[in-house]
């Protein structure tokens, strides 16, 4: 788990508003201090680990998955992700 990954997950969580967001990598990049290519690469890795999922695959829109929510709430340890669990 990298700072980029954490930033992406927290943006999708959108906790202060208590309403999760669904966004494309381009919109995620526009709202964070990371480039589009960096976001795109990390989105693929986050999806491979089950932390994000497609909201609309055809449009390339992502949302936080239950596993991503569990990670952010502390119910899933980063070591479990590295082990492929």
PDB file of N, CA and C in Angstrom:
ATOM      1  N   UNK A   1       0.859  -1.175   0.000  1.00  0.00           N
ATOM      2  CA  UNK A   1       0.000   0.000   0.000  1.00  0.00           C
ATOM      3  C   UNK A   1       0.901   1.233   0.000  1.00  0.00           C
ATOM      4  N   UNK A   2       0.670   2.086  -0.960  1.00  0.00           N
ATOM      5  CA  UNK A   2       1.489   3.290  -1.108  1.00  0.00           C
ATOM      6  C   UNK A   2       0.653   4.528  -0.782  1.00  0.00           C
ATOM      7  N   UNK A   3       1.304   5.681  -0.642  1.00  0.00           N
ATOM      8  CA  UNK A   3       0.536   6.913  -0.432  1.00  0.00           C
ATOM      9  C   UNK A   3      -0.475   7.177  -1.559  1.00  0.00           C
ATOM     10  N   UNK A   4      -0.116   6.832  -2.792  1.00  0.00           N
ATOM     11  CA  UNK A   4      -1.048   7.006  -3.910  1.00  0.00           C
ATOM     12  C   UNK A   4      -2.284   6.145  -3.699  1.00  0.00           C
ATOM     13  N   UNK A   5      -2.063   4.882  -3.340  1.00  0.00           N
ATOM     14  CA  UNK A   5      -3.177   3.964  -3.113  1.00  0.00           C
ATOM     15  C   UNK A   5      -4.103   4.490  -2.018  1.00  0.00           C
ATOM     16  N   UNK A   6      -3.506   4.909  -0.942  1.00  0.00           N
ATOM     17  CA  UNK A   6      -4.294   5.424   0.190  1.00  0.00           C
ATOM     18  C   UNK A   6      -5.086   6.667  -0.227  1.00  0.00           C
ATOM     19  N   UNK A   7      -4.449   7.565  -0.959  1.00  0.00           N
ATOM     20  CA  UNK A   7      -5.143   8.773  -1.420  1.00  0.00           C
ATOM     21  C   UNK A   7      -6.344   8.420  -2.300  1.00  0.00           C
ATOM     22  N   UNK A   8      -6.164   7.467  -3.189  1.00  0.00           N
ATOM     23  CA  UNK A   8      -7.254   7.053  -4.078  1.00  0.00           C
ATOM     24  C   UNK A   8      -8.422   6.495  -3.266  1.00  0.00           C
ATOM     25  N   UNK A   9      -8.112   5.578  -2.354  1.00  0.00           N
ATOM     26  CA  UNK A   9      -9.172   4.954  -1.554  1.00  0.00           C
ATOM     27  C   UNK A   9      -9.907   5.984  -0.708  1.00  0.00           C
ATOM     28  N   UNK A  10      -9.158   6.887  -0.094  1.00  0.00           N
ATOM     29  CA  UNK A  10      -9.795   7.907   0.742  1.00  0.00           C
ATOM     30  C   UNK A  10     -10.646   8.867  -0.078  1.00  0.00           C
ATOM     31  N   UNK A  11     -10.208   9.195  -1.297  1.00  0.00           N
ATOM     32  CA  UNK A  11     -11.022  10.052  -2.152  1.00  0.00           C
ATOM     33  C   UNK A  11     -12.331   9.364  -2.501  1.00  0.00           C
ATOM     34  N   UNK A  12     -12.261   8.093  -2.888  1.00  0.00           N
ATOM     35  CA  UNK A  12     -13.484   7.366  -3.220  1.00  0.00           C
ATOM     36  C   UNK A  12     -14.400   7.229  -1.998  1.00  0.00           C
ATOM     37  N   UNK A  13     -13.798   7.074  -0.829  1.00  0.00           N
ATOM     38  CA  UNK A  13     -14.592   6.959   0.400  1.00  0.00           C
ATOM     39  C   UNK A  13     -15.341   8.254   0.691  1.00  0.00           C
ATOM     40  N   UNK A  14     -14.668   9.392   0.470  1.00  0.00           N
ATOM     41  CA  UNK A  14     -15.296  10.707   0.632  1.00  0.00           C
ATOM     42  C   UNK A  14     -15.956  10.842   2.003  1.00  0.00           C
ATOM     43  N   UNK A  15     -15.210  10.442   3.022  1.00  0.00           N
ATOM     44  CA  UNK A  15     -15.768  10.372   4.371  1.00  0.00           C
ATOM     45  C   UNK A  15     -16.355  11.670   4.918  1.00  0.00           C
ATOM     46  N   UNK A  16     -15.731  12.816   4.725  1.00  0.00           N
ATOM     47  CA  UNK A  16     -16.344  14.010   5.330  1.00  0.00           C
ATOM     48  C   UNK A  16     -17.800  14.213   4.891  1.00  0.00           C
ATOM     49  N   UNK A  17     -18.099  13.855   3.650  1.00  0.00           N
ATOM     50  CA  UNK A  17     -19.468  14.016   3.148  1.00  0.00           C
ATOM     51  C   UNK A  17     -20.326  12.797   3.467  1.00  0.00           C
ATOM     52  N   UNK A  18     -19.680  11.725   3.949  1.00  0.00           N
ATOM     53  CA  UNK A  18     -20.379  10.487   4.287  1.00  0.00           C
ATOM     54  C   UNK A  18     -21.152   9.937   3.082  1.00  0.00           C
ATOM     55  N   UNK A  19     -20.578  10.134   1.889  1.00  0.00           N
ATOM     56  CA  UNK A  19     -21.176   9.607   0.661  1.00  0.00           C
ATOM     57  C   UNK A  19     -20.047   9.239  -0.288  1.00  0.00           C
ATOM     58  N   UNK A  20     -19.933   7.955  -0.602  1.00  0.00           N
ATOM     59  CA  UNK A  20     -18.872   7.492  -1.482  1.00  0.00           C
ATOM     60  C   UNK A  20     -19.032   8.045  -2.892  1.00  0.00           C
ATOM     61  N   UNK A  21     -17.880   8.210  -3.558  1.00  0.00           N
ATOM     62  CA  UNK A  21     -17.851   8.719  -4.919  1.00  0.00           C
ATOM     63  C   UNK A  21     -17.603   7.590  -5.911  1.00  0.00           C
ATOM     64  N   UNK A  22     -18.064   7.759  -7.129  1.00  0.00           N
ATOM     65  CA  UNK A  22     -17.710   6.890  -8.248  1.00  0.00           C
ATOM     66  C   UNK A  22     -17.032   7.788  -9.268  1.00  0.00           C
ATOM     67  N   UNK A  23     -15.791   7.413  -9.651  1.00  0.00           N
ATOM     68  CA  UNK A  23     -14.965   8.311 -10.470  1.00  0.00           C
ATOM     69  C   UNK A  23     -14.139   7.537 -11.487  1.00  0.00           C
ATOM     70  N   UNK A  24     -13.760   8.225 -12.538  1.00  0.00           N
ATOM     71  CA  UNK A  24     -12.799   7.692 -13.497  1.00  0.00           C
ATOM     72  C   UNK A  24     -11.387   8.020 -12.999  1.00  0.00           C
ATOM     73  N   UNK A  25     -10.378   7.309 -13.494  1.00  0.00           N
ATOM     74  CA  UNK A  25      -9.005   7.667 -13.129  1.00  0.00           C
ATOM     75  C   UNK A  25      -8.677   9.122 -13.464  1.00  0.00           C
ATOM     76  N   UNK A  26      -9.207   9.643 -14.551  1.00  0.00           N
ATOM     77  CA  UNK A  26      -8.955  11.037 -14.922  1.00  0.00           C
ATOM     78  C   UNK A  26      -9.500  11.996 -13.864  1.00  0.00           C
ATOM     79  N   UNK A  27     -10.712  11.739 -13.372  1.00  0.00           N
ATOM     80  CA  UNK A  27     -11.284  12.599 -12.334  1.00  0.00           C
ATOM     81  C   UNK A  27     -10.562  12.435 -11.003  1.00  0.00           C
ATOM     82  N   UNK A  28     -10.116  11.229 -10.733  1.00  0.00           N
ATOM     83  CA  UNK A  28      -9.340  11.003  -9.507  1.00  0.00           C
ATOM     84  C   UNK A  28      -8.062  11.837  -9.572  1.00  0.00           C
ATOM     85  N   UNK A  29      -7.376  11.781 -10.715  1.00  0.00           N
ATOM     86  CA  UNK A  29      -6.145  12.560 -10.902  1.00  0.00           C
ATOM     87  C   UNK A  29      -6.400  14.056 -10.755  1.00  0.00           C
ATOM     88  N   UNK A  30      -7.529  14.529 -11.271  1.00  0.00           N
ATOM     89  CA  UNK A  30      -7.858  15.953 -11.185  1.00  0.00           C
ATOM     90  C   UNK A  30      -8.100  16.403  -9.750  1.00  0.00           C
ATOM     91  N   UNK A  31      -8.418  15.460  -8.867  1.00  0.00           N
ATOM     92  CA  UNK A  31      -8.714  15.795  -7.480  1.00  0.00           C
ATOM     93  C   UNK A  31      -7.577  15.468  -6.518  1.00  0.00           C
ATOM     94  N   UNK A  32      -6.507  14.870  -7.040  1.00  0.00           N
ATOM     95  CA  UNK A  32      -5.350  14.526  -6.214  1.00  0.00           C
ATOM     96  C   UNK A  32      -4.091  15.107  -6.852  1.00  0.00           C
ATOM     97  N   UNK A  33      -3.010  15.077  -6.114  1.00  0.00           N
ATOM     98  CA  UNK A  33      -1.740  15.597  -6.615  1.00  0.00           C
ATOM     99  C   UNK A  33      -0.903  14.510  -7.296  1.00  0.00           C
ATOM    100  N   UNK A  34      -1.551  13.640  -8.041  1.00  0.00           N
ATOM    101  CA  UNK A  34      -0.870  12.566  -8.757  1.00  0.00           C
ATOM    102  C   UNK A  34      -1.280  12.632 -10.218  1.00  0.00           C
ATOM    103  N   UNK A  35      -0.366  12.294 -11.115  1.00  0.00           N
ATOM    104  CA  UNK A  35      -0.633  12.320 -12.544  1.00  0.00           C
ATOM    105  C   UNK A  35      -1.588  11.217 -12.983  1.00  0.00           C
ATOM    106  N   UNK A  36      -2.186  11.417 -14.145  1.00  0.00           N
ATOM    107  CA  UNK A  36      -3.170  10.451 -14.659  1.00  0.00           C
ATOM    108  C   UNK A  36      -2.576   9.068 -14.862  1.00  0.00           C
ATOM    109  N   UNK A  37      -1.366   9.003 -15.398  1.00  0.00           N
ATOM    110  CA  UNK A  37      -0.740   7.694 -15.640  1.00  0.00           C
ATOM    111  C   UNK A  37      -0.479   6.970 -14.315  1.00  0.00           C
ATOM    112  N   UNK A  38      -0.029   7.702 -13.321  1.00  0.00           N
ATOM    113  CA  UNK A  38       0.193   7.114 -11.997  1.00  0.00           C
ATOM    114  C   UNK A  38      -1.115   6.585 -11.426  1.00  0.00           C
ATOM    115  N   UNK A  39      -2.154   7.377 -11.520  1.00  0.00           N
ATOM    116  CA  UNK A  39      -3.470   6.948 -11.010  1.00  0.00           C
ATOM    117  C   UNK A  39      -3.942   5.711 -11.759  1.00  0.00           C
ATOM    118  N   UNK A  40      -3.826   5.716 -13.074  1.00  0.00           N
ATOM    119  CA  UNK A  40      -4.277   4.581 -13.872  1.00  0.00           C
ATOM    120  C   UNK A  40      -3.569   3.291 -13.448  1.00  0.00           C
ATOM    121  N   UNK A  41      -2.249   3.364 -13.281  1.00  0.00           N
ATOM    122  CA  UNK A  41      -1.480   2.189 -12.865  1.00  0.00           C
ATOM    123  C   UNK A  41      -1.920   1.692 -11.484  1.00  0.00           C
ATOM    124  N   UNK A  42      -2.123   2.612 -10.579  1.00  0.00           N
ATOM    125  CA  UNK A  42      -2.509   2.215  -9.224  1.00  0.00           C
ATOM    126  C   UNK A  42      -3.946   1.698  -9.177  1.00  0.00           C
ATOM    127  N   UNK A  43      -4.811   2.242 -10.013  1.00  0.00           N
ATOM    128  CA  UNK A  43      -6.191   1.737 -10.063  1.00  0.00           C
ATOM    129  C   UNK A  43      -6.209   0.273 -10.487  1.00  0.00           C
ATOM    130  N   UNK A  44      -5.362  -0.079 -11.450  1.00  0.00           N
ATOM    131  CA  UNK A  44      -5.287  -1.472 -11.889  1.00  0.00           C
ATOM    132  C   UNK A  44      -4.821  -2.382 -10.755  1.00  0.00           C
ATOM    133  N   UNK A  45      -3.816  -1.930 -10.007  1.00  0.00           N
ATOM    134  CA  UNK A  45      -3.318  -2.719  -8.881  1.00  0.00           C
ATOM    135  C   UNK A  45      -4.375  -2.817  -7.779  1.00  0.00           C
ATOM    136  N   UNK A  46      -5.056  -1.721  -7.492  1.00  0.00           N
ATOM    137  CA  UNK A  46      -6.104  -1.742  -6.466  1.00  0.00           C
ATOM    138  C   UNK A  46      -7.239  -2.675  -6.880  1.00  0.00           C
ATOM    139  N   UNK A  47      -7.554  -2.692  -8.160  1.00  0.00           N
ATOM    140  CA  UNK A  47      -8.605  -3.593  -8.649  1.00  0.00           C
ATOM    141  C   UNK A  47      -8.133  -5.043  -8.546  1.00  0.00           C
ATOM    142  N   UNK A  48      -6.873  -5.295  -8.884  1.00  0.00           N
ATOM    143  CA  UNK A  48      -6.326  -6.657  -8.776  1.00  0.00           C
ATOM    144  C   UNK A  48      -6.379  -7.173  -7.345  1.00  0.00           C
ATOM    145  N   UNK A  49      -6.221  -6.271  -6.388  1.00  0.00           N
ATOM    146  CA  UNK A  49      -6.278  -6.652  -4.967  1.00  0.00           C
ATOM    147  C   UNK A  49      -7.697  -6.601  -4.403  1.00  0.00           C
ATOM    148  N   UNK A  50      -8.651  -6.239  -5.235  1.00  0.00           N
ATOM    149  CA  UNK A  50     -10.048  -6.237  -4.805  1.00  0.00           C
ATOM    150  C   UNK A  50     -10.463  -5.057  -3.949  1.00  0.00           C
ATOM    151  N   UNK A  51      -9.668  -3.979  -3.963  1.00  0.00           N
ATOM    152  CA  UNK A  51      -9.983  -2.818  -3.131  1.00  0.00           C
ATOM    153  C   UNK A  51     -10.912  -1.830  -3.822  1.00  0.00           C
ATOM    154  N   UNK A  52     -10.905  -1.844  -5.139  1.00  0.00           N
ATOM    155  CA  UNK A  52     -11.854  -1.069  -5.933  1.00  0.00           C
ATOM    156  C   UNK A  52     -12.469  -2.010  -6.953  1.00  0.00           C
ATOM    157  N   UNK A  53     -13.604  -1.607  -7.484  1.00  0.00           N
ATOM    158  CA  UNK A  53     -14.282  -2.400  -8.496  1.00  0.00           C
ATOM    159  C   UNK A  53     -14.941  -1.451  -9.482  1.00  0.00           C
ATOM    160  N   UNK A  54     -15.310  -1.993 -10.610  1.00  0.00           N
ATOM    161  CA  UNK A  54     -15.998  -1.157 -11.588  1.00  0.00           C
ATOM    162  C   UNK A  54     -17.410  -0.827 -11.117  1.00  0.00           C
ATOM    163  N   UNK A  55     -17.759   0.413 -11.242  1.00  0.00           N
ATOM    164  CA  UNK A  55     -19.140   0.869 -11.108  1.00  0.00           C
ATOM    165  C   UNK A  55     -19.789   0.740 -12.482  1.00  0.00           C
ATOM    166  N   UNK A  56     -19.010   1.109 -13.507  1.00  0.00           N
ATOM    167  CA  UNK A  56     -19.437   0.990 -14.900  1.00  0.00           C
ATOM    168  C   UNK A  56     -18.178   0.684 -15.705  1.00  0.00           C
ATOM    169  N   UNK A  57     -17.982  -0.575 -16.034  1.00  0.00           N
ATOM    170  CA  UNK A  57     -16.755  -0.988 -16.709  1.00  0.00           C
ATOM    171  C   UNK A  57     -16.609  -0.340 -18.079  1.00  0.00           C
ATOM    172  N   UNK A  58     -17.687  -0.252 -18.828  1.00  0.00           N
ATOM    173  CA  UNK A  58     -17.632   0.332 -20.171  1.00  0.00           C
ATOM    174  C   UNK A  58     -17.165   1.786 -20.142  1.00  0.00           C
ATOM    175  N   UNK A  59     -17.592   2.530 -19.133  1.00  0.00           N
ATOM    176  CA  UNK A  59     -17.214   3.937 -19.003  1.00  0.00           C
ATOM    177  C   UNK A  59     -15.924   4.116 -18.202  1.00  0.00           C
ATOM    178  N   UNK A  60     -15.382   3.029 -17.636  1.00  0.00           N
ATOM    179  CA  UNK A  60     -14.147   3.126 -16.851  1.00  0.00           C
ATOM    180  C   UNK A  60     -14.334   3.846 -15.531  1.00  0.00           C
ATOM    181  N   UNK A  61     -15.513   3.673 -14.921  1.00  0.00           N
ATOM    182  CA  UNK A  61     -15.823   4.335 -13.651  1.00  0.00           C
ATOM    183  C   UNK A  61     -15.650   3.324 -12.518  1.00  0.00           C
ATOM    184  N   UNK A  62     -14.930   3.749 -11.496  1.00  0.00           N
ATOM    185  CA  UNK A  62     -14.623   2.879 -10.358  1.00  0.00           C
ATOM    186  C   UNK A  62     -15.347   3.332  -9.097  1.00  0.00           C
ATOM    187  N   UNK A  63     -15.497   2.358  -8.202  1.00  0.00           N
ATOM    188  CA  UNK A  63     -16.032   2.630  -6.868  1.00  0.00           C
ATOM    189  C   UNK A  63     -15.236   1.804  -5.855  1.00  0.00           C
ATOM    190  N   UNK A  64     -15.353   2.166  -4.628  1.00  0.00           N
ATOM    191  CA  UNK A  64     -14.738   1.435  -3.536  1.00  0.00           C
ATOM    192  C   UNK A  64     -15.458   0.098  -3.385  1.00  0.00           C
ATOM    193  N   UNK A  65     -14.723  -0.974  -3.178  1.00  0.00           N
ATOM    194  CA  UNK A  65     -15.330  -2.282  -2.941  1.00  0.00           C
ATOM    195  C   UNK A  65     -15.483  -2.493  -1.435  1.00  0.00           C
ATOM    196  N   UNK A  66     -16.169  -3.550  -1.068  1.00  0.00           N
ATOM    197  CA  UNK A  66     -16.309  -3.861   0.357  1.00  0.00           C
ATOM    198  C   UNK A  66     -14.940  -4.119   0.984  1.00  0.00           C
ATOM    199  N   UNK A  67     -14.072  -4.776   0.241  1.00  0.00           N
ATOM    200  CA  UNK A  67     -12.723  -5.033   0.744  1.00  0.00           C
ATOM    201  C   UNK A  67     -11.976  -3.711   0.957  1.00  0.00           C
ATOM    202  N   UNK A  68     -12.164  -2.747   0.065  1.00  0.00           N
ATOM    203  CA  UNK A  68     -11.560  -1.427   0.232  1.00  0.00           C
ATOM    204  C   UNK A  68     -12.106  -0.718   1.462  1.00  0.00           C
ATOM    205  N   UNK A  69     -13.398  -0.835   1.686  1.00  0.00           N
ATOM    206  CA  UNK A  69     -14.001  -0.249   2.899  1.00  0.00           C
ATOM    207  C   UNK A  69     -13.412  -0.904   4.145  1.00  0.00           C
ATOM    208  N   UNK A  70     -13.248  -2.225   4.095  1.00  0.00           N
ATOM    209  CA  UNK A  70     -12.669  -2.948   5.232  1.00  0.00           C
ATOM    210  C   UNK A  70     -11.248  -2.488   5.507  1.00  0.00           C
ATOM    211  N   UNK A  71     -10.474  -2.246   4.446  1.00  0.00           N
ATOM    212  CA  UNK A  71      -9.108  -1.764   4.633  1.00  0.00           C
ATOM    213  C   UNK A  71      -9.110  -0.393   5.304  1.00  0.00           C
ATOM    214  N   UNK A  72      -9.921   0.507   4.799  1.00  0.00           N
ATOM    215  CA  UNK A  72      -9.951   1.862   5.355  1.00  0.00           C
ATOM    216  C   UNK A  72     -10.454   1.890   6.794  1.00  0.00           C
ATOM    217  N   UNK A  73     -11.317   0.965   7.154  1.00  0.00           N
ATOM    218  CA  UNK A  73     -11.837   0.930   8.525  1.00  0.00           C
ATOM    219  C   UNK A  73     -10.904   0.185   9.476  1.00  0.00           C
ATOM    220  N   UNK A  74      -9.828  -0.395   8.937  1.00  0.00           N
ATOM    221  CA  UNK A  74      -8.865  -1.102   9.776  1.00  0.00           C
ATOM    222  C   UNK A  74      -9.184  -2.567   9.966  1.00  0.00           C
ATOM    223  N   UNK A  75     -10.181  -3.077   9.262  1.00  0.00           N
ATOM    224  CA  UNK A  75     -10.562  -4.482   9.383  1.00  0.00           C
ATOM    225  C   UNK A  75      -9.776  -5.399   8.454  1.00  0.00           C
ATOM    226  N   UNK A  76      -8.932  -4.823   7.613  1.00  0.00           N
ATOM    227  CA  UNK A  76      -8.100  -5.583   6.692  1.00  0.00           C
ATOM    228  C   UNK A  76      -6.715  -4.976   6.727  1.00  0.00           C
ATOM    229  N   UNK A  77      -5.714  -5.776   7.063  1.00  0.00           N
ATOM    230  CA  UNK A  77      -4.350  -5.309   7.193  1.00  0.00           C
ATOM    231  C   UNK A  77      -3.659  -5.284   5.832  1.00  0.00           C
ATOM    232  N   UNK A  78      -2.774  -4.328   5.611  1.00  0.00           N
ATOM    233  CA  UNK A  78      -2.043  -4.205   4.356  1.00  0.00           C
ATOM    234  C   UNK A  78      -1.210  -5.449   4.078  1.00  0.00           C
ATOM    235  N   UNK A  79      -0.726  -6.124   5.124  1.00  0.00           N
ATOM    236  CA  UNK A  79       0.045  -7.357   4.937  1.00  0.00           C
ATOM    237  C   UNK A  79      -0.795  -8.430   4.269  1.00  0.00           C
ATOM    238  N   UNK A  80      -2.083  -8.475   4.552  1.00  0.00           N
ATOM    239  CA  UNK A  80      -2.968  -9.432   3.917  1.00  0.00           C
ATOM    240  C   UNK A  80      -3.064  -9.175   2.419  1.00  0.00           C
ATOM    241  N   UNK A  81      -2.972  -7.925   2.016  1.00  0.00           N
ATOM    242  CA  UNK A  81      -3.013  -7.588   0.598  1.00  0.00           C
ATOM    243  C   UNK A  81      -1.757  -8.047  -0.104  1.00  0.00           C
ATOM    244  N   UNK A  82      -0.608  -7.859   0.541  1.00  0.00           N
ATOM    245  CA  UNK A  82       0.673  -8.246  -0.060  1.00  0.00           C
ATOM    246  C   UNK A  82       0.791  -9.748  -0.196  1.00  0.00           C
ATOM    247  N   UNK A  83       0.157 -10.481   0.716  1.00  0.00           N
ATOM    248  CA  UNK A  83       0.191 -11.934   0.658  1.00  0.00           C
ATOM    249  C   UNK A  83      -0.779 -12.487  -0.359  1.00  0.00           C
ATOM    250  N   UNK A  84      -1.605 -11.599  -0.946  1.00  0.00           N
ATOM    251  CA  UNK A  84      -2.584 -12.047  -1.926  1.00  0.00           C
ATOM    252  C   UNK A  84      -3.807 -12.659  -1.297  1.00  0.00           C
ATOM    253  N   UNK A  85      -4.008 -12.417  -0.004  1.00  0.00           N
ATOM    254  CA  UNK A  85      -5.151 -12.994   0.697  1.00  0.00           C
ATOM    255  C   UNK A  85      -6.441 -12.353   0.278  1.00  0.00           C
TER     256      UNK A  85
END
